Amino acid sequence: MSKFETPEAEELYYLQPEQEVGDSVEGPAWFGLYQLEAVILTEDSQGNVWLRKYDTTSELNEAWELIIQNTYPVKGAT
C-alpha cells in the first residue's frame, strides 16, 4: 500500500512547495503549499501523505493561515 493518498499527492511531494511549515519527524505533521495547483499537501508522523484541493485562492490562503497559526501559536495571545 502506498503512503500517498493519490498519484497527484505523490507527484507534488517530490516538487518544492512555495511555502512549507512543520515537521513530520519532530512534530505532528509537515505542510506544503502549492499555490499554482491550489493544494496543501500534508505528511503526518507515520509518513502518510495526502492533499487538499481548494476552489479559490481565498480558501487556500485562509486554510494556510490557519495551519501557520496552529503550527506556530502566539504565546500570550488573548
Protein backbone atom coordinates (compact mmCIF):
# COMPACT_ATOMS: atom_id res chain seq x y z
CA MET A 1 0.00 0.00 0.00
CA SER A 2 1.32 3.44 -0.93
CA LYS A 3 1.91 6.16 1.62
CA PHE A 4 0.32 8.59 -0.86
CA GLU A 5 -3.42 9.21 -0.91
CA THR A 6 -3.41 9.82 -4.68
CA PRO A 7 -0.97 9.83 -7.59
CA GLU A 8 -1.23 13.66 -7.59
CA ALA A 9 -0.13 13.75 -3.94
CA GLU A 10 2.90 11.63 -4.82
CA GLU A 11 3.81 13.83 -7.79
CA LEU A 12 3.57 17.05 -5.77
CA TYR A 13 5.51 15.56 -2.85
CA TYR A 14 8.66 15.46 -4.95
CA LEU A 15 8.30 19.10 -6.07
CA GLN A 16 9.40 22.06 -3.97
CA PRO A 17 6.38 23.83 -2.44
CA GLU A 18 6.11 27.62 -2.46
CA GLN A 19 5.96 27.52 1.35
CA GLU A 20 6.24 24.83 3.99
CA VAL A 21 5.78 24.59 7.75
CA GLY A 22 6.00 21.93 10.40
CA ASP A 23 7.99 18.73 10.58
CA SER A 24 6.63 15.21 10.23
CA VAL A 25 9.65 13.73 12.03
CA GLU A 26 9.93 16.02 15.07
CA GLY A 27 6.38 17.39 15.07
CA PRO A 28 2.91 16.13 14.30
CA ALA A 29 2.95 16.97 10.57
CA TRP A 30 4.58 18.74 7.65
CA PHE A 31 2.52 21.00 5.34
CA GLY A 32 3.43 22.20 1.86
CA LEU A 33 1.64 24.98 -0.02
CA TYR A 34 1.37 24.63 -3.81
CA GLN A 35 -0.31 27.85 -4.93
CA LEU A 36 -0.49 27.16 -8.68
CA GLU A 37 -2.29 23.89 -8.04
CA ALA A 38 -4.40 25.37 -5.16
CA VAL A 39 -3.29 22.47 -2.97
CA ILE A 40 -1.97 21.96 0.54
CA LEU A 41 -0.05 18.72 0.94
CA THR A 42 0.23 17.12 4.39
CA GLU A 43 2.59 14.42 5.65
CA ASP A 44 1.83 13.01 9.10
CA SER A 45 4.27 11.44 11.57
CA GLN A 46 3.56 7.96 10.13
CA GLY A 47 4.66 9.14 6.67
CA ASN A 48 1.19 9.20 5.12
CA VAL A 49 0.77 11.95 2.52
CA TRP A 50 -2.49 13.44 1.36
CA LEU A 51 -3.65 16.60 -0.32
CA ARG A 52 -6.50 19.04 -0.06
CA LYS A 53 -7.54 21.00 -3.15
CA TYR A 54 -9.20 24.39 -2.84
CA ASP A 55 -11.66 26.02 -5.20
CA THR A 56 -10.45 29.58 -4.68
CA THR A 57 -7.25 31.38 -3.76
CA SER A 58 -9.11 32.92 -0.84
CA GLU A 59 -9.99 29.49 0.59
CA LEU A 60 -6.43 28.29 0.04
CA ASN A 61 -4.92 31.31 1.79
CA GLU A 62 -7.37 31.07 4.69
CA ALA A 63 -6.56 27.38 5.22
CA TRP A 64 -2.82 28.08 5.02
CA GLU A 65 -3.10 30.87 7.60
CA LEU A 66 -4.91 28.51 10.00
CA ILE A 67 -2.15 25.92 9.56
CA ILE A 68 0.51 28.57 10.33
CA GLN A 69 -1.40 29.74 13.42
CA ASN A 70 -1.79 26.16 14.68
CA THR A 71 1.79 25.20 13.89
CA TYR A 72 3.33 28.32 15.45
CA PRO A 73 0.82 29.57 18.04
CA VAL A 74 1.47 33.01 19.51
CA LYS A 75 2.17 32.65 23.21
CA GLY A 76 0.20 35.00 25.44
CA ALA A 77 -2.34 35.93 22.73
CA THR A 78 -5.80 36.67 24.03
